[in-house]
């Protein structure tokens, strides 16, 4: 049976690789505040409102990122589980074929004194 830890590590590596690009899109509070600074300078927002909005934007981005990571992890696990089941079935069929061939090739017992 395949090593479960190896499968889990594979899921983590794939997930981190795929989410790296998505992670670049997740906005941090500091980035949101920097983007909202223009509105503060123009007098369209107070600095307090900008901070609150930046927190909300960052929190929403983190939630969406976490949900995507969860969904992606589940889908990857399902794929690997299905692949593992297919591999186990193929291995069992091969073991059965080997047993049949070994039985056919086994020498037949002879009676005493016969060649």
C-alpha atoms as a PDB file:
ATOM      1  CA  UNK A   1       0.000   0.000   0.000  1.00  0.00           C
ATOM      2  CA  UNK A   2       1.385   3.496  -0.865  1.00  0.00           C
ATOM      3  CA  UNK A   3       2.784   5.637   1.900  1.00  0.00           C
ATOM      4  CA  UNK A   4       0.032   8.009   3.089  1.00  0.00           C
ATOM      5  CA  UNK A   5       2.575  10.604   4.216  1.00  0.00           C
ATOM      6  CA  UNK A   6       4.040  10.684   0.713  1.00  0.00           C
ATOM      7  CA  UNK A   7       0.593  11.307  -0.773  1.00  0.00           C
ATOM      8  CA  UNK A   8      -0.133  14.077   1.713  1.00  0.00           C
ATOM      9  CA  UNK A   9       3.223  15.711   0.958  1.00  0.00           C
ATOM     10  CA  UNK A  10       2.464  15.504  -2.753  1.00  0.00           C
ATOM     11  CA  UNK A  11      -0.897  17.188  -2.208  1.00  0.00           C
ATOM     12  CA  UNK A  12       0.768  19.964  -0.205  1.00  0.00           C
ATOM     13  CA  UNK A  13       3.424  20.561  -2.862  1.00  0.00           C
ATOM     14  CA  UNK A  14       0.898  20.669  -5.705  1.00  0.00           C
ATOM     15  CA  UNK A  15      -1.448  22.863  -3.713  1.00  0.00           C
ATOM     16  CA  UNK A  16       1.312  25.315  -2.783  1.00  0.00           C
ATOM     17  CA  UNK A  17       2.538  25.449  -6.359  1.00  0.00           C
ATOM     18  CA  UNK A  18      -0.897  26.143  -7.808  1.00  0.00           C
ATOM     19  CA  UNK A  19      -1.849  28.583  -5.088  1.00  0.00           C
ATOM     20  CA  UNK A  20       1.371  30.577  -5.427  1.00  0.00           C
ATOM     21  CA  UNK A  21      -0.084  32.389  -8.421  1.00  0.00           C
ATOM     22  CA  UNK A  22      -3.405  32.877  -6.676  1.00  0.00           C
ATOM     23  CA  UNK A  23      -1.600  34.073  -3.558  1.00  0.00           C
ATOM     24  CA  UNK A  24      -0.118  36.919  -5.531  1.00  0.00           C
ATOM     25  CA  UNK A  25      -3.662  38.168  -6.074  1.00  0.00           C
ATOM     26  CA  UNK A  26      -4.542  38.117  -2.377  1.00  0.00           C
ATOM     27  CA  UNK A  27      -4.275  41.653  -1.183  1.00  0.00           C
ATOM     28  CA  UNK A  28      -2.728  42.477   2.163  1.00  0.00           C
ATOM     29  CA  UNK A  29      -4.029  45.146   4.481  1.00  0.00           C
ATOM     30  CA  UNK A  30      -0.960  47.274   3.808  1.00  0.00           C
ATOM     31  CA  UNK A  31      -1.432  47.058   0.030  1.00  0.00           C
ATOM     32  CA  UNK A  32      -5.092  47.990   0.383  1.00  0.00           C
ATOM     33  CA  UNK A  33      -4.218  50.961   2.595  1.00  0.00           C
ATOM     34  CA  UNK A  34      -1.624  52.124   0.085  1.00  0.00           C
ATOM     35  CA  UNK A  35      -4.199  51.913  -2.702  1.00  0.00           C
ATOM     36  CA  UNK A  36      -6.754  53.827  -0.621  1.00  0.00           C
ATOM     37  CA  UNK A  37      -4.254  56.555   0.341  1.00  0.00           C
ATOM     38  CA  UNK A  38      -5.053  58.379  -2.904  1.00  0.00           C
ATOM     39  CA  UNK A  39      -8.675  58.697  -1.823  1.00  0.00           C
ATOM     40  CA  UNK A  40      -7.576  59.936   1.590  1.00  0.00           C
ATOM     41  CA  UNK A  41      -5.301  62.554  -0.012  1.00  0.00           C
ATOM     42  CA  UNK A  42      -8.164  63.646  -2.284  1.00  0.00           C
ATOM     43  CA  UNK A  43     -10.442  63.971   0.737  1.00  0.00           C
ATOM     44  CA  UNK A  44     -12.857  61.314  -0.521  1.00  0.00           C
ATOM     45  CA  UNK A  45     -12.162  59.064   2.507  1.00  0.00           C
ATOM     46  CA  UNK A  46     -10.979  59.599   6.030  1.00  0.00           C
ATOM     47  CA  UNK A  47      -7.865  57.714   7.100  1.00  0.00           C
ATOM     48  CA  UNK A  48     -10.006  55.823   9.617  1.00  0.00           C
ATOM     49  CA  UNK A  49     -12.448  54.741   6.893  1.00  0.00           C
ATOM     50  CA  UNK A  50      -9.538  53.757   4.650  1.00  0.00           C
ATOM     51  CA  UNK A  51      -8.097  51.562   7.425  1.00  0.00           C
ATOM     52  CA  UNK A  52     -11.465  49.878   8.002  1.00  0.00           C
ATOM     53  CA  UNK A  53     -11.947  49.286   4.281  1.00  0.00           C
ATOM     54  CA  UNK A  54      -8.400  47.936   3.960  1.00  0.00           C
ATOM     55  CA  UNK A  55      -9.047  45.459   6.786  1.00  0.00           C
ATOM     56  CA  UNK A  56     -12.286  44.306   5.165  1.00  0.00           C
ATOM     57  CA  UNK A  57     -10.622  43.901   1.769  1.00  0.00           C
ATOM     58  CA  UNK A  58      -7.705  41.954   3.261  1.00  0.00           C
ATOM     59  CA  UNK A  59     -10.019  39.752   5.361  1.00  0.00           C
ATOM     60  CA  UNK A  60     -12.204  38.964   2.361  1.00  0.00           C
ATOM     61  CA  UNK A  61      -9.140  38.163   0.253  1.00  0.00           C
ATOM     62  CA  UNK A  62      -7.797  35.830   2.932  1.00  0.00           C
ATOM     63  CA  UNK A  63     -11.163  34.070   3.285  1.00  0.00           C
ATOM     64  CA  UNK A  64     -11.414  33.574  -0.464  1.00  0.00           C
ATOM     65  CA  UNK A  65      -7.840  32.313  -0.612  1.00  0.00           C
ATOM     66  CA  UNK A  66      -8.467  29.871   2.261  1.00  0.00           C
ATOM     67  CA  UNK A  67     -11.668  28.602   0.618  1.00  0.00           C
ATOM     68  CA  UNK A  68      -9.856  28.082  -2.669  1.00  0.00           C
ATOM     69  CA  UNK A  69      -7.009  26.274  -0.905  1.00  0.00           C
ATOM     70  CA  UNK A  70      -9.518  24.016   0.859  1.00  0.00           C
ATOM     71  CA  UNK A  71     -11.383  23.252  -2.362  1.00  0.00           C
ATOM     72  CA  UNK A  72      -8.198  22.603  -4.305  1.00  0.00           C
ATOM     73  CA  UNK A  73      -6.827  20.356  -1.568  1.00  0.00           C
ATOM     74  CA  UNK A  74     -10.022  18.301  -1.558  1.00  0.00           C
ATOM     75  CA  UNK A  75     -10.015  17.890  -5.322  1.00  0.00           C
ATOM     76  CA  UNK A  76      -6.355  16.885  -5.386  1.00  0.00           C
ATOM     77  CA  UNK A  77      -6.944  14.343  -2.634  1.00  0.00           C
ATOM     78  CA  UNK A  78      -9.904  12.875  -4.548  1.00  0.00           C
ATOM     79  CA  UNK A  79      -7.786  12.536  -7.688  1.00  0.00           C
ATOM     80  CA  UNK A  80      -4.946  10.876  -5.810  1.00  0.00           C
ATOM     81  CA  UNK A  81      -7.331   8.547  -3.961  1.00  0.00           C
ATOM     82  CA  UNK A  82      -8.974   7.487  -7.215  1.00  0.00           C
ATOM     83  CA  UNK A  83      -5.564   6.933  -8.805  1.00  0.00           C
ATOM     84  CA  UNK A  84      -4.463   4.914  -5.775  1.00  0.00           C
ATOM     85  CA  UNK A  85      -7.561   2.688  -6.050  1.00  0.00           C
ATOM     86  CA  UNK A  86      -6.927   2.137  -9.775  1.00  0.00           C
ATOM     87  CA  UNK A  87      -3.310   1.239  -9.050  1.00  0.00           C
ATOM     88  CA  UNK A  88      -4.321  -1.200  -6.302  1.00  0.00           C
ATOM     89  CA  UNK A  89      -6.794  -2.926  -8.647  1.00  0.00           C
ATOM     90  CA  UNK A  90      -4.186  -3.218 -11.395  1.00  0.00           C
ATOM     91  CA  UNK A  91      -1.642  -4.615  -8.927  1.00  0.00           C
ATOM     92  CA  UNK A  92      -4.118  -7.240  -7.673  1.00  0.00           C
ATOM     93  CA  UNK A  93      -4.876  -8.293 -11.274  1.00  0.00           C
ATOM     94  CA  UNK A  94      -1.164  -8.602 -12.053  1.00  0.00           C
ATOM     95  CA  UNK A  95      -0.545 -10.652  -8.913  1.00  0.00           C
ATOM     96  CA  UNK A  96      -3.352 -12.989  -9.948  1.00  0.00           C
ATOM     97  CA  UNK A  97      -1.890 -13.375 -13.459  1.00  0.00           C
ATOM     98  CA  UNK A  98       1.537 -14.179 -12.006  1.00  0.00           C
ATOM     99  CA  UNK A  99      -0.012 -16.811  -9.736  1.00  0.00           C
ATOM    100  CA  UNK A 100      -1.787 -18.427 -12.707  1.00  0.00           C
ATOM    101  CA  UNK A 101       1.414 -18.458 -14.770  1.00  0.00           C
ATOM    102  CA  UNK A 102       3.463 -19.857 -11.895  1.00  0.00           C
ATOM    103  CA  UNK A 103       0.898 -22.624 -11.441  1.00  0.00           C
ATOM    104  CA  UNK A 104       1.045 -23.514 -15.136  1.00  0.00           C
ATOM    105  CA  UNK A 105       4.842 -23.584 -15.154  1.00  0.00           C
ATOM    106  CA  UNK A 106       5.240 -25.548 -11.945  1.00  0.00           C
ATOM    107  CA  UNK A 107       6.590 -29.057 -12.578  1.00  0.00           C
ATOM    108  CA  UNK A 108       3.988 -31.752 -12.155  1.00  0.00           C
ATOM    109  CA  UNK A 109       4.794 -34.269  -9.469  1.00  0.00           C
ATOM    110  CA  UNK A 110       5.874 -37.662 -10.789  1.00  0.00           C
ATOM    111  CA  UNK A 111       5.475 -41.071  -9.306  1.00  0.00           C
ATOM    112  CA  UNK A 112       8.494 -42.654  -7.760  1.00  0.00           C
ATOM    113  CA  UNK A 113      10.815 -44.190 -10.294  1.00  0.00           C
ATOM    114  CA  UNK A 114       9.457 -42.261 -13.309  1.00  0.00           C
ATOM    115  CA  UNK A 115      11.580 -39.622 -15.013  1.00  0.00           C
END
